[in-house]
Each structure stands twice: as structure tokens, then as C-alpha cells.
PDB file of N, CA and C in Angstrom:
ATOM      1  N   MET A   1     -35.892 -56.479  -8.491  1.00  0.00           N
ATOM      2  CA  MET A   1     -35.928 -55.403  -7.522  1.00  0.00           C
ATOM      3  C   MET A   1     -37.176 -54.563  -7.793  1.00  0.00           C
ATOM      4  N   THR A   2     -37.860 -54.199  -6.709  1.00  0.00           N
ATOM      5  CA  THR A   2     -39.067 -53.403  -6.870  1.00  0.00           C
ATOM      6  C   THR A   2     -38.710 -51.924  -6.868  1.00  0.00           C
ATOM      7  N   THR A   3     -39.530 -51.154  -7.534  1.00  0.00           N
ATOM      8  CA  THR A   3     -39.310 -49.712  -7.578  1.00  0.00           C
ATOM      9  C   THR A   3     -40.451 -49.013  -6.864  1.00  0.00           C
ATOM     10  N   LEU A   4     -40.176 -47.846  -6.380  1.00  0.00           N
ATOM     11  CA  LEU A   4     -41.181 -47.062  -5.682  1.00  0.00           C
ATOM     12  C   LEU A   4     -42.048 -46.317  -6.684  1.00  0.00           C
ATOM     13  N   GLN A   5     -43.272 -46.098  -6.293  1.00  0.00           N
ATOM     14  CA  GLN A   5     -44.156 -45.290  -7.129  1.00  0.00           C
ATOM     15  C   GLN A   5     -43.616 -43.864  -7.173  1.00  0.00           C
ATOM     16  N   ALA A   6     -44.039 -43.130  -8.167  1.00  0.00           N
ATOM     17  CA  ALA A   6     -43.540 -41.763  -8.358  1.00  0.00           C
ATOM     18  C   ALA A   6     -43.798 -40.898  -7.132  1.00  0.00           C
ATOM     19  N   SER A   7     -44.969 -41.034  -6.501  1.00  0.00           N
ATOM     20  CA  SER A   7     -45.283 -40.213  -5.317  1.00  0.00           C
ATOM     21  C   SER A   7     -44.373 -40.587  -4.149  1.00  0.00           C
ATOM     22  N   ALA A   8     -44.089 -41.883  -3.975  1.00  0.00           N
ATOM     23  CA  ALA A   8     -43.196 -42.327  -2.899  1.00  0.00           C
ATOM     24  C   ALA A   8     -41.771 -41.860  -3.166  1.00  0.00           C
ATOM     25  N   GLN A   9     -41.363 -41.883  -4.440  1.00  0.00           N
ATOM     26  CA  GLN A   9     -40.030 -41.400  -4.796  1.00  0.00           C
ATOM     27  C   GLN A   9     -39.894 -39.912  -4.472  1.00  0.00           C
ATOM     28  N   ALA A  10     -40.927 -39.149  -4.755  1.00  0.00           N
ATOM     29  CA  ALA A  10     -40.904 -37.708  -4.478  1.00  0.00           C
ATOM     30  C   ALA A  10     -40.840 -37.454  -2.976  1.00  0.00           C
ATOM     31  N   GLN A  11     -41.621 -38.235  -2.211  1.00  0.00           N
ATOM     32  CA  GLN A  11     -41.581 -38.088  -0.747  1.00  0.00           C
ATOM     33  C   GLN A  11     -40.204 -38.419  -0.207  1.00  0.00           C
ATOM     34  N   LEU A  12     -39.636 -39.503  -0.707  1.00  0.00           N
ATOM     35  CA  LEU A  12     -38.308 -39.924  -0.264  1.00  0.00           C
ATOM     36  C   LEU A  12     -37.275 -38.854  -0.579  1.00  0.00           C
ATOM     37  N   ARG A  13     -37.321 -38.333  -1.812  1.00  0.00           N
ATOM     38  CA  ARG A  13     -36.377 -37.302  -2.214  1.00  0.00           C
ATOM     39  C   ARG A  13     -36.526 -36.070  -1.311  1.00  0.00           C
ATOM     40  N   GLN A  14     -37.768 -35.686  -1.017  1.00  0.00           N
ATOM     41  CA  GLN A  14     -38.032 -34.528  -0.167  1.00  0.00           C
ATOM     42  C   GLN A  14     -37.486 -34.749   1.243  1.00  0.00           C
ATOM     43  N   LEU A  15     -37.725 -35.941   1.796  1.00  0.00           N
ATOM     44  CA  LEU A  15     -37.217 -36.252   3.135  1.00  0.00           C
ATOM     45  C   LEU A  15     -35.692 -36.213   3.170  1.00  0.00           C
ATOM     46  N   VAL A  16     -35.055 -36.794   2.175  1.00  0.00           N
ATOM     47  CA  VAL A  16     -33.585 -36.816   2.125  1.00  0.00           C
ATOM     48  C   VAL A  16     -33.043 -35.392   2.022  1.00  0.00           C
ATOM     49  N   GLU A  17     -33.664 -34.565   1.197  1.00  0.00           N
ATOM     50  CA  GLU A  17     -33.211 -33.186   1.058  1.00  0.00           C
ATOM     51  C   GLU A  17     -33.393 -32.401   2.352  1.00  0.00           C
ATOM     52  N   GLN A  18     -34.508 -32.641   3.046  1.00  0.00           N
ATOM     53  CA  GLN A  18     -34.728 -31.969   4.332  1.00  0.00           C
ATOM     54  C   GLN A  18     -33.686 -32.405   5.362  1.00  0.00           C
ATOM     55  N   ILE A  19     -33.399 -33.692   5.395  1.00  0.00           N
ATOM     56  CA  ILE A  19     -32.386 -34.207   6.322  1.00  0.00           C
ATOM     57  C   ILE A  19     -31.030 -33.594   5.997  1.00  0.00           C
ATOM     58  N   GLU A  20     -30.705 -33.501   4.724  1.00  0.00           N
ATOM     59  CA  GLU A  20     -29.428 -32.907   4.326  1.00  0.00           C
ATOM     60  C   GLU A  20     -29.338 -31.442   4.757  1.00  0.00           C
ATOM     61  N   ARG A  21     -30.434 -30.694   4.600  1.00  0.00           N
ATOM     62  CA  ARG A  21     -30.436 -29.293   5.038  1.00  0.00           C
ATOM     63  C   ARG A  21     -30.257 -29.188   6.550  1.00  0.00           C
ATOM     64  N   LEU A  22     -30.958 -30.064   7.274  1.00  0.00           N
ATOM     65  CA  LEU A  22     -30.832 -30.058   8.737  1.00  0.00           C
ATOM     66  C   LEU A  22     -29.416 -30.418   9.173  1.00  0.00           C
ATOM     67  N   GLU A  23     -28.789 -31.366   8.475  1.00  0.00           N
ATOM     68  CA  GLU A  23     -27.404 -31.737   8.785  1.00  0.00           C
ATOM     69  C   GLU A  23     -26.471 -30.545   8.568  1.00  0.00           C
ATOM     70  N   GLU A  24     -26.706 -29.783   7.520  1.00  0.00           N
ATOM     71  CA  GLU A  24     -25.900 -28.584   7.264  1.00  0.00           C
ATOM     72  C   GLU A  24     -26.108 -27.549   8.372  1.00  0.00           C
ATOM     73  N   GLU A  25     -27.356 -27.379   8.802  1.00  0.00           N
ATOM     74  CA  GLU A  25     -27.643 -26.442   9.896  1.00  0.00           C
ATOM     75  C   GLU A  25     -26.966 -26.898  11.180  1.00  0.00           C
ATOM     76  N   LYS A  26     -27.010 -28.206  11.418  1.00  0.00           N
ATOM     77  CA  LYS A  26     -26.368 -28.757  12.614  1.00  0.00           C
ATOM     78  C   LYS A  26     -24.864 -28.501  12.580  1.00  0.00           C
ATOM     79  N   LYS A  27     -24.276 -28.669  11.411  1.00  0.00           N
ATOM     80  CA  LYS A  27     -22.841 -28.422  11.250  1.00  0.00           C
ATOM     81  C   LYS A  27     -22.516 -26.955  11.523  1.00  0.00           C
ATOM     82  N   ALA A  28     -23.357 -26.060  11.018  1.00  0.00           N
ATOM     83  CA  ALA A  28     -23.144 -24.628  11.243  1.00  0.00           C
ATOM     84  C   ALA A  28     -23.291 -24.290  12.733  1.00  0.00           C
ATOM     85  N   LEU A  29     -24.298 -24.861  13.379  1.00  0.00           N
ATOM     86  CA  LEU A  29     -24.490 -24.617  14.814  1.00  0.00           C
ATOM     87  C   LEU A  29     -23.321 -25.154  15.631  1.00  0.00           C
ATOM     88  N   ALA A  30     -22.821 -26.328  15.245  1.00  0.00           N
ATOM     89  CA  ALA A  30     -21.668 -26.894  15.951  1.00  0.00           C
ATOM     90  C   ALA A  30     -20.471 -25.950  15.842  1.00  0.00           C
ATOM     91  N   GLY A  31     -20.310 -25.339  14.683  1.00  0.00           N
ATOM     92  CA  GLY A  31     -19.229 -24.365  14.504  1.00  0.00           C
ATOM     93  C   GLY A  31     -19.427 -23.143  15.379  1.00  0.00           C
ATOM     94  N   ASP A  32     -20.679 -22.679  15.484  1.00  0.00           N
ATOM     95  CA  ASP A  32     -20.986 -21.530  16.340  1.00  0.00           C
ATOM     96  C   ASP A  32     -20.699 -21.849  17.810  1.00  0.00           C
ATOM     97  N   ILE A  33     -21.069 -23.058  18.222  1.00  0.00           N
ATOM     98  CA  ILE A  33     -20.828 -23.473  19.615  1.00  0.00           C
ATOM     99  C   ILE A  33     -19.327 -23.549  19.878  1.00  0.00           C
ATOM    100  N   ARG A  34     -18.601 -24.121  18.935  1.00  0.00           N
ATOM    101  CA  ARG A  34     -17.138 -24.209  19.071  1.00  0.00           C
ATOM    102  C   ARG A  34     -16.535 -22.811  19.203  1.00  0.00           C
ATOM    103  N   ASP A  35     -17.040 -21.877  18.410  1.00  0.00           N
ATOM    104  CA  ASP A  35     -16.552 -20.490  18.483  1.00  0.00           C
ATOM    105  C   ASP A  35     -16.811 -19.879  19.854  1.00  0.00           C
ATOM    106  N   LYS A  36     -17.969 -20.162  20.449  1.00  0.00           N
ATOM    107  CA  LYS A  36     -18.296 -19.630  21.778  1.00  0.00           C
ATOM    108  C   LYS A  36     -17.353 -20.196  22.839  1.00  0.00           C
ATOM    109  N   TYR A  37     -17.027 -21.482  22.725  1.00  0.00           N
ATOM    110  CA  TYR A  37     -16.081 -22.069  23.673  1.00  0.00           C
ATOM    111  C   TYR A  37     -14.689 -21.444  23.502  1.00  0.00           C
ATOM    112  N   LEU A  38     -14.301 -21.191  22.267  1.00  0.00           N
ATOM    113  CA  LEU A  38     -13.017 -20.531  22.030  1.00  0.00           C
ATOM    114  C   LEU A  38     -13.023 -19.116  22.607  1.00  0.00           C
ATOM    115  N   GLU A  39     -14.148 -18.428  22.471  1.00  0.00           N
ATOM    116  CA  GLU A  39     -14.288 -17.092  23.049  1.00  0.00           C
ATOM    117  C   GLU A  39     -14.159 -17.157  24.572  1.00  0.00           C
ATOM    118  N   ALA A  40     -14.823 -18.137  25.173  1.00  0.00           N
ATOM    119  CA  ALA A  40     -14.744 -18.300  26.633  1.00  0.00           C
ATOM    120  C   ALA A  40     -13.308 -18.591  27.059  1.00  0.00           C
ATOM    121  N   LYS A  41     -12.625 -19.429  26.294  1.00  0.00           N
ATOM    122  CA  LYS A  41     -11.224 -19.751  26.602  1.00  0.00           C
ATOM    123  C   LYS A  41     -10.363 -18.499  26.505  1.00  0.00           C
ATOM    124  N   GLY A  42     -10.615 -17.681  25.491  1.00  0.00           N
ATOM    125  CA  GLY A  42      -9.864 -16.442  25.308  1.00  0.00           C
ATOM    126  C   GLY A  42     -10.045 -15.476  26.465  1.00  0.00           C
ATOM    127  N   ILE A  43     -11.219 -15.511  27.076  1.00  0.00           N
ATOM    128  CA  ILE A  43     -11.493 -14.642  28.223  1.00  0.00           C
ATOM    129  C   ILE A  43     -10.824 -15.189  29.485  1.00  0.00           C
ATOM    130  N   GLY A  44     -10.517 -16.489  29.466  1.00  0.00           N
ATOM    131  CA  GLY A  44      -9.850 -17.078  30.621  1.00  0.00           C
ATOM    132  C   GLY A  44     -10.655 -18.146  31.342  1.00  0.00           C
ATOM    133  N   PHE A  45     -11.814 -18.511  30.786  1.00  0.00           N
ATOM    134  CA  PHE A  45     -12.611 -19.559  31.420  1.00  0.00           C
ATOM    135  C   PHE A  45     -12.066 -20.929  31.061  1.00  0.00           C
ATOM    136  N   ASP A  46     -12.241 -21.881  31.955  1.00  0.00           N
ATOM    137  CA  ASP A  46     -11.833 -23.265  31.735  1.00  0.00           C
ATOM    138  C   ASP A  46     -12.921 -23.940  30.901  1.00  0.00           C
ATOM    139  N   VAL A  47     -12.606 -24.252  29.657  1.00  0.00           N
ATOM    140  CA  VAL A  47     -13.596 -24.784  28.723  1.00  0.00           C
ATOM    141  C   VAL A  47     -14.100 -26.157  29.161  1.00  0.00           C
ATOM    142  N   LYS A  48     -13.220 -26.969  29.703  1.00  0.00           N
ATOM    143  CA  LYS A  48     -13.630 -28.300  30.149  1.00  0.00           C
ATOM    144  C   LYS A  48     -14.696 -28.180  31.239  1.00  0.00           C
ATOM    145  N   VAL A  49     -14.482 -27.293  32.177  1.00  0.00           N
ATOM    146  CA  VAL A  49     -15.446 -27.087  33.258  1.00  0.00           C
ATOM    147  C   VAL A  49     -16.707 -26.437  32.706  1.00  0.00           C
ATOM    148  N   LEU A  50     -16.566 -25.521  31.782  1.00  0.00           N
ATOM    149  CA  LEU A  50     -17.716 -24.866  31.168  1.00  0.00           C
ATOM    150  C   LEU A  50     -18.613 -25.886  30.464  1.00  0.00           C
ATOM    151  N   ARG A  51     -18.007 -26.820  29.758  1.00  0.00           N
ATOM    152  CA  ARG A  51     -18.787 -27.880  29.102  1.00  0.00           C
ATOM    153  C   ARG A  51     -19.532 -28.717  30.140  1.00  0.00           C
ATOM    154  N   GLN A  52     -18.876 -28.983  31.260  1.00  0.00           N
ATOM    155  CA  GLN A  52     -19.510 -29.757  32.330  1.00  0.00           C
ATOM    156  C   GLN A  52     -20.689 -28.984  32.911  1.00  0.00           C
ATOM    157  N   VAL A  53     -20.546 -27.683  33.089  1.00  0.00           N
ATOM    158  CA  VAL A  53     -21.637 -26.851  33.610  1.00  0.00           C
ATOM    159  C   VAL A  53     -22.830 -26.896  32.654  1.00  0.00           C
ATOM    160  N   VAL A  54     -22.575 -26.759  31.360  1.00  0.00           N
ATOM    161  CA  VAL A  54     -23.656 -26.799  30.370  1.00  0.00           C
ATOM    162  C   VAL A  54     -24.361 -28.152  30.427  1.00  0.00           C
ATOM    163  N   ARG A  55     -23.587 -29.223  30.538  1.00  0.00           N
ATOM    164  CA  ARG A  55     -24.161 -30.574  30.614  1.00  0.00           C
ATOM    165  C   ARG A  55     -25.008 -30.734  31.875  1.00  0.00           C
ATOM    166  N   LEU A  56     -24.514 -30.220  33.008  1.00  0.00           N
ATOM    167  CA  LEU A  56     -25.248 -30.343  34.266  1.00  0.00           C
ATOM    168  C   LEU A  56     -26.534 -29.534  34.267  1.00  0.00           C
ATOM    169  N   ARG A  57     -26.522 -28.374  33.614  1.00  0.00           N
ATOM    170  CA  ARG A  57     -27.721 -27.531  33.585  1.00  0.00           C
ATOM    171  C   ARG A  57     -28.864 -28.173  32.814  1.00  0.00           C
ATOM    172  N   LYS A  58     -28.555 -29.155  31.991  1.00  0.00           N
ATOM    173  CA  LYS A  58     -29.588 -29.869  31.241  1.00  0.00           C
ATOM    174  C   LYS A  58     -30.328 -30.871  32.125  1.00  0.00           C
ATOM    175  N   LYS A  59     -29.778 -31.170  33.289  1.00  0.00           N
ATOM    176  CA  LYS A  59     -30.341 -32.195  34.172  1.00  0.00           C
ATOM    177  C   LYS A  59     -31.106 -31.552  35.316  1.00  0.00           C
ATOM    178  N   SER A  60     -32.054 -32.294  35.844  1.00  0.00           N
ATOM    179  CA  SER A  60     -32.798 -31.813  37.007  1.00  0.00           C
ATOM    180  C   SER A  60     -31.930 -31.960  38.252  1.00  0.00           C
ATOM    181  N   THR A  61     -32.326 -31.265  39.307  1.00  0.00           N
ATOM    182  CA  THR A  61     -31.587 -31.345  40.574  1.00  0.00           C
ATOM    183  C   THR A  61     -31.567 -32.782  41.080  1.00  0.00           C
ATOM    184  N   THR A  62     -32.695 -33.452  40.990  1.00  0.00           N
ATOM    185  CA  THR A  62     -32.781 -34.841  41.455  1.00  0.00           C
ATOM    186  C   THR A  62     -31.846 -35.737  40.663  1.00  0.00           C
ATOM    187  N   GLU A  63     -31.840 -35.559  39.360  1.00  0.00           N
ATOM    188  CA  GLU A  63     -30.963 -36.349  38.506  1.00  0.00           C
ATOM    189  C   GLU A  63     -29.495 -36.149  38.886  1.00  0.00           C
ATOM    190  N   ARG A  64     -29.113 -34.893  39.105  1.00  0.00           N
ATOM    191  CA  ARG A  64     -27.724 -34.590  39.491  1.00  0.00           C
ATOM    192  C   ARG A  64     -27.390 -35.206  40.847  1.00  0.00           C
ATOM    193  N   GLN A  65     -28.314 -35.111  41.802  1.00  0.00           N
ATOM    194  CA  GLN A  65     -28.061 -35.667  43.132  1.00  0.00           C
ATOM    195  C   GLN A  65     -27.894 -37.182  43.072  1.00  0.00           C
ATOM    196  N   GLU A  66     -28.727 -37.843  42.259  1.00  0.00           N
ATOM    197  CA  GLU A  66     -28.619 -39.298  42.127  1.00  0.00           C
ATOM    198  C   GLU A  66     -27.272 -39.683  41.521  1.00  0.00           C
ATOM    199  N   GLU A  67     -26.855 -38.961  40.482  1.00  0.00           N
ATOM    200  CA  GLU A  67     -25.565 -39.249  39.858  1.00  0.00           C
ATOM    201  C   GLU A  67     -24.411 -38.990  40.818  1.00  0.00           C
ATOM    202  N   ASP A  68     -24.510 -37.895  41.584  1.00  0.00           N
ATOM    203  CA  ASP A  68     -23.466 -37.584  42.567  1.00  0.00           C
ATOM    204  C   ASP A  68     -23.359 -38.676  43.623  1.00  0.00           C
ATOM    205  N   ALA A  69     -24.507 -39.193  44.056  1.00  0.00           N
ATOM    206  CA  ALA A  69     -24.504 -40.242  45.077  1.00  0.00           C
ATOM    207  C   ALA A  69     -23.845 -41.507  44.544  1.00  0.00           C
ATOM    208  N   VAL A  70     -24.189 -41.896  43.331  1.00  0.00           N
ATOM    209  CA  VAL A  70     -23.589 -43.097  42.739  1.00  0.00           C
ATOM    210  C   VAL A  70     -22.098 -42.882  42.523  1.00  0.00           C
ATOM    211  N   LEU A  71     -21.726 -41.697  42.045  1.00  0.00           N
ATOM    212  CA  LEU A  71     -20.313 -41.389  41.843  1.00  0.00           C
ATOM    213  C   LEU A  71     -19.547 -41.507  43.157  1.00  0.00           C
ATOM    214  N   GLU A  72     -20.111 -40.972  44.232  1.00  0.00           N
ATOM    215  CA  GLU A  72     -19.444 -41.040  45.531  1.00  0.00           C
ATOM    216  C   GLU A  72     -19.262 -42.486  45.976  1.00  0.00           C
ATOM    217  N   VAL A  73     -20.263 -43.328  45.766  1.00  0.00           N
ATOM    218  CA  VAL A  73     -20.157 -44.745  46.120  1.00  0.00           C
ATOM    219  C   VAL A  73     -19.027 -45.396  45.335  1.00  0.00           C
ATOM    220  N   TYR A  74     -18.987 -45.141  44.027  1.00  0.00           N
ATOM    221  CA  TYR A  74     -17.947 -45.738  43.186  1.00  0.00           C
ATOM    222  C   TYR A  74     -16.556 -45.261  43.602  1.00  0.00           C
ATOM    223  N   LEU A  75     -16.399 -43.953  43.802  1.00  0.00           N
ATOM    224  CA  LEU A  75     -15.100 -43.417  44.194  1.00  0.00           C
ATOM    225  C   LEU A  75     -14.654 -43.968  45.540  1.00  0.00           C
ATOM    226  N   HIS A  76     -15.592 -44.074  46.460  1.00  0.00           N
ATOM    227  CA  HIS A  76     -15.264 -44.634  47.776  1.00  0.00           C
ATOM    228  C   HIS A  76     -14.841 -46.094  47.641  1.00  0.00           C
ATOM    229  N   ALA A  77     -15.570 -46.854  46.824  1.00  0.00           N
ATOM    230  CA  ALA A  77     -15.243 -48.272  46.625  1.00  0.00           C
ATOM    231  C   ALA A  77     -13.861 -48.452  46.017  1.00  0.00           C
ATOM    232  N   LEU A  78     -13.430 -47.486  45.229  1.00  0.00           N
ATOM    233  CA  LEU A  78     -12.110 -47.555  44.592  1.00  0.00           C
ATOM    234  C   LEU A  78     -11.014 -46.929  45.449  1.00  0.00           C
ATOM    235  N   GLY A  79     -11.385 -46.468  46.642  1.00  0.00           N
ATOM    236  CA  GLY A  79     -10.407 -45.879  47.540  1.00  0.00           C
ATOM    237  C   GLY A  79      -9.982 -44.482  47.121  1.00  0.00           C
ATOM    238  N   MET A  80     -10.811 -43.826  46.336  1.00  0.00           N
ATOM    239  CA  MET A  80     -10.460 -42.491  45.848  1.00  0.00           C
ATOM    240  C   MET A  80     -11.031 -41.394  46.733  1.00  0.00           C
ATOM    241  N   LEU A  81     -11.817 -41.761  47.738  1.00  0.00           N
ATOM    242  CA  LEU A  81     -12.372 -40.814  48.706  1.00  0.00           C
ATOM    243  C   LEU A  81     -11.984 -41.280  50.098  1.00  0.00           C
ATOM    244  N   GLY A  82     -11.914 -40.351  51.009  1.00  0.00           N
ATOM    245  CA  GLY A  82     -11.663 -40.722  52.390  1.00  0.00           C
ATOM    246  C   GLY A  82     -12.903 -41.382  52.974  1.00  0.00           C
ATOM    247  N   PRO A  83     -12.825 -41.807  54.208  1.00  0.00           N
ATOM    248  CA  PRO A  83     -13.979 -42.435  54.846  1.00  0.00           C
ATOM    249  C   PRO A  83     -15.121 -41.440  54.985  1.00  0.00           C
ATOM    250  N   SER A  84     -16.349 -41.958  54.994  1.00  0.00           N
ATOM    251  CA  SER A  84     -17.511 -41.091  55.184  1.00  0.00           C
ATOM    252  C   SER A  84     -17.497 -40.547  56.608  1.00  0.00           C
ATOM    253  N   ASP A  85     -18.336 -39.572  56.887  1.00  0.00           N
ATOM    254  CA  ASP A  85     -18.375 -38.950  58.216  1.00  0.00           C
ATOM    255  C   ASP A  85     -18.636 -39.981  59.306  1.00  0.00           C
ATOM    256  N   SER A  86     -19.579 -40.893  59.082  1.00  0.00           N
ATOM    257  CA  SER A  86     -19.885 -41.889  60.114  1.00  0.00           C
ATOM    258  C   SER A  86     -18.705 -42.838  60.312  1.00  0.00           C
ATOM    259  N   GLU A  87     -18.041 -43.223  59.227  1.00  0.00           N
ATOM    260  CA  GLU A  87     -16.857 -44.079  59.363  1.00  0.00           C
ATOM    261  C   GLU A  87     -15.738 -43.322  60.060  1.00  0.00           C
ATOM    262  N   HIS A  88     -15.594 -42.042  59.743  1.00  0.00           N
ATOM    263  CA  HIS A  88     -14.572 -41.218  60.372  1.00  0.00           C
ATOM    264  C   HIS A  88     -14.835 -41.121  61.875  1.00  0.00           C
ATOM    265  N   ASP A  89     -16.089 -40.871  62.239  1.00  0.00           N
ATOM    266  CA  ASP A  89     -16.446 -40.782  63.659  1.00  0.00           C
ATOM    267  C   ASP A  89     -16.145 -42.088  64.375  1.00  0.00           C
ATOM    268  N   ALA A  90     -16.427 -43.225  63.749  1.00  0.00           N
ATOM    269  CA  ALA A  90     -16.164 -44.522  64.351  1.00  0.00           C
ATOM    270  C   ALA A  90     -14.670 -44.739  64.539  1.00  0.00           C
ATOM    271  N   MET A  91     -13.854 -44.295  63.553  1.00  0.00           N
ATOM    272  CA  MET A  91     -12.403 -44.434  63.686  1.00  0.00           C
ATOM    273  C   MET A  91     -11.866 -43.575  64.815  1.00  0.00           C
ATOM    274  N   VAL A  92     -12.394 -42.345  64.951  1.00  0.00           N
ATOM    275  CA  VAL A  92     -11.978 -41.454  66.032  1.00  0.00           C
ATOM    276  C   VAL A  92     -12.341 -42.083  67.382  1.00  0.00           C
ATOM    277  N   ASP A  93     -13.555 -42.632  67.485  1.00  0.00           N
ATOM    278  CA  ASP A  93     -13.975 -43.279  68.727  1.00  0.00           C
ATOM    279  C   ASP A  93     -13.057 -44.442  69.077  1.00  0.00           C
ATOM    280  N   GLN A  94     -12.637 -45.235  68.070  1.00  0.00           N
ATOM    281  CA  GLN A  94     -11.741 -46.365  68.308  1.00  0.00           C
ATOM    282  C   GLN A  94     -10.377 -45.876  68.800  1.00  0.00           C
ATOM    283  N   MET A  95      -9.885 -44.788  68.216  1.00  0.00           N
ATOM    284  CA  MET A  95      -8.593 -44.240  68.628  1.00  0.00           C
ATOM    285  C   MET A  95      -8.660 -43.727  70.059  1.00  0.00           C
ATOM    286  N   ILE A  96      -9.752 -43.073  70.403  1.00  0.00           N
ATOM    287  CA  ILE A  96      -9.912 -42.549  71.769  1.00  0.00           C
ATOM    288  C   ILE A  96      -9.985 -43.703  72.749  1.00  0.00           C
ATOM    289  N   ALA A  97     -10.736 -44.742  72.389  1.00  0.00           N
ATOM    290  CA  ALA A  97     -10.892 -45.890  73.270  1.00  0.00           C
ATOM    291  C   ALA A  97      -9.557 -46.619  73.471  1.00  0.00           C
ATOM    292  N   ALA A  98      -8.711 -46.631  72.456  1.00  0.00           N
ATOM    293  CA  ALA A  98      -7.430 -47.315  72.533  1.00  0.00           C
ATOM    294  C   ALA A  98      -6.464 -46.601  73.454  1.00  0.00           C
ATOM    295  N   GLU A  99      -6.646 -45.299  73.639  1.00  0.00           N
ATOM    296  CA  GLU A  99      -5.735 -44.526  74.487  1.00  0.00           C
ATOM    297  C   GLU A  99      -6.056 -44.840  75.897  1.00  0.00           C
TER     298      GLU A  99
END
């Protein structure tokens, strides 16, 4: 097995220690974020929806619109949405014609 030179060992040790410190900071921040959600819940806000709002604010308008369009297609394909406006208009026209 090969060993690292002393300078490489020092660099490695420094990098690992920095990563460990950052992981601790991340853990502390995660706790702070959790506390804010608990505070919001205590005030009466819906935390699930609040998380969704935070997630959506990270995206551009175009990105959100594209995702909404794909979601609508999927929901429609699964029968979870009613007919689109054009399909609805066509159904109304068929009903009128049948009378």
C-alpha cells in the first residue's frame, strides 16, 4: 500500500476537517430551518404548503409554467382532471346538436 507524502496528508486532513465543520454548520442550519417551520405551524400556517412555496420560489416563472403544463397533461391522462376547455366546448356542441 502506498502512503501519501506529508504535505498531501496535511492537505487531506485539512480538507476533511473543513468538510466536518461545514457538516456541523449544515446540521445547525437544518435545525434553525426546522424551528422556523415549527414557528410557522404555531402561528397557524400550513407547513406542507409553506415548504412548497419555498421550493417554488427557487424556480423561475418559465420553469414553474413548464412543470405545471406537464403536471396538467399527466393528471388529465390519469383522469384526475376534467376535460380541457376545448374538449368541454366540443362536448357542449355535441349535446346541443343531439337535441
